[in-house]
Amino acid sequence: MTKTLIEQYVEDPDNLRRFQQERAIFEITDLIEVALEKQGMSRADLAEKLGVSEDWVAELLDGESHKTIRTIADTLAVIGHAIHFSLGSLEVGLRKDE
């Protein structure tokens, strides 16, 4: 089977690390956006609750700024959510059910 461009890219260990970092950023920012929506909160509401600027929140949720786990936990706490981590196998490409 022919490898996808992503599968070819992540064959290099450094690229694999970068890919995993970007995947993690995407997943956490998406989770925060979902939590905001469930709470009926806007980004402005989140900024007010965190005591930060709306620009700071935009940087966080647009993936432009790499925040710490502590920052992510604090952000979710003011939305009324917590994060729980789990491990999954390292896979790149399409899942078998796709």
Protein backbone atom coordinates (compact mmCIF):
# COMPACT_ATOMS: atom_id res chain seq x y z
CA MET A 1 0.00 0.00 0.00
CA THR A 2 1.24 3.50 -0.82
CA LYS A 3 2.06 5.69 2.18
CA THR A 4 0.31 9.02 2.60
CA LEU A 5 2.34 12.22 2.71
CA ILE A 6 1.84 12.36 6.47
CA GLU A 7 3.04 8.79 6.90
CA GLN A 8 6.12 9.62 4.83
CA TYR A 9 6.72 12.83 6.83
CA VAL A 10 6.60 11.12 10.22
CA GLU A 11 9.12 8.46 9.24
CA ASP A 12 11.71 10.98 10.44
CA PRO A 13 11.72 10.88 14.29
CA ASP A 14 11.96 14.68 14.58
CA ASN A 15 8.99 15.13 12.27
CA LEU A 16 7.04 12.54 14.26
CA ARG A 17 7.62 14.56 17.44
CA ARG A 18 6.48 17.79 15.75
CA PHE A 19 3.42 16.03 14.37
CA GLN A 20 2.48 14.72 17.81
CA GLN A 21 2.94 18.19 19.33
CA GLU A 22 0.64 19.76 16.75
CA ARG A 23 -1.91 16.97 17.18
CA ALA A 24 -1.96 17.53 20.95
CA ILE A 25 -2.40 21.28 20.51
CA PHE A 26 -5.26 20.73 18.08
CA GLU A 27 -7.00 18.21 20.33
CA ILE A 28 -6.82 20.32 23.50
CA THR A 29 -7.92 23.51 21.82
CA ASP A 30 -10.82 21.66 20.22
CA LEU A 31 -11.82 20.26 23.63
CA ILE A 32 -11.78 23.75 25.13
CA GLU A 33 -13.94 25.10 22.30
CA VAL A 34 -16.45 22.27 22.83
CA ALA A 35 -16.51 22.94 26.58
CA LEU A 36 -17.10 26.65 25.98
CA GLU A 37 -19.98 25.88 23.66
CA LYS A 38 -21.55 23.46 26.18
CA GLN A 39 -21.38 26.18 28.84
CA GLY A 40 -22.76 28.83 26.49
CA MET A 41 -19.61 30.88 26.99
CA SER A 42 -17.80 33.07 24.50
CA ARG A 43 -14.08 33.65 24.23
CA ALA A 44 -14.67 37.06 25.83
CA ASP A 45 -16.40 35.36 28.78
CA LEU A 46 -13.44 33.02 29.14
CA ALA A 47 -10.97 35.90 29.06
CA GLU A 48 -12.91 37.69 31.80
CA LYS A 49 -13.05 34.60 34.03
CA LEU A 50 -9.33 33.96 33.56
CA GLY A 51 -8.42 37.62 34.06
CA VAL A 52 -6.60 37.77 30.74
CA SER A 53 -7.08 39.64 27.47
CA GLU A 54 -9.22 38.38 24.63
CA ASP A 55 -6.04 38.34 22.53
CA TRP A 56 -4.49 35.89 25.03
CA VAL A 57 -7.51 33.60 24.68
CA ALA A 58 -7.35 33.87 20.88
CA GLU A 59 -3.67 32.86 20.95
CA LEU A 60 -4.52 29.89 23.16
CA LEU A 61 -7.45 28.64 21.10
CA ASP A 62 -5.92 29.34 17.71
CA GLY A 63 -2.93 27.19 18.63
CA GLU A 64 -0.50 30.08 18.23
CA SER A 65 0.74 29.94 21.78
CA HIS A 66 2.02 26.85 23.53
CA LYS A 67 0.55 26.99 27.01
CA THR A 68 1.47 24.75 29.91
CA ILE A 69 -0.62 21.90 31.26
CA ARG A 70 -1.23 24.11 34.31
CA THR A 71 -2.67 26.82 32.04
CA ILE A 72 -4.89 24.32 30.23
CA ALA A 73 -6.16 22.92 33.56
CA ASP A 74 -6.89 26.45 34.82
CA THR A 75 -8.69 27.33 31.59
CA LEU A 76 -10.89 24.25 31.79
CA ALA A 77 -11.57 24.80 35.51
CA VAL A 78 -13.13 28.22 34.88
CA ILE A 79 -15.38 26.60 32.26
CA GLY A 80 -16.40 23.95 34.77
CA HIS A 81 -14.48 21.07 33.22
CA ALA A 82 -11.43 18.97 34.00
CA ILE A 83 -9.07 17.14 31.72
CA HIS A 84 -8.26 13.47 32.10
CA PHE A 85 -5.42 11.98 30.15
CA SER A 86 -5.27 8.54 28.62
CA LEU A 87 -2.72 6.82 26.48
CA GLY A 88 -3.32 5.50 23.03
CA SER A 89 -1.09 3.77 20.56
CA LEU A 90 1.02 5.99 18.33
CA GLU A 91 -0.65 5.82 14.95
CA VAL A 92 -0.38 7.99 11.92
CA GLY A 93 -2.69 7.66 8.96
CA LEU A 94 -6.20 6.39 8.60
CA ARG A 95 -7.77 4.32 11.30
CA LYS A 96 -9.08 0.92 10.32
CA ASP A 97 -12.71 2.08 10.75
CA GLU A 98 -12.27 4.94 8.24
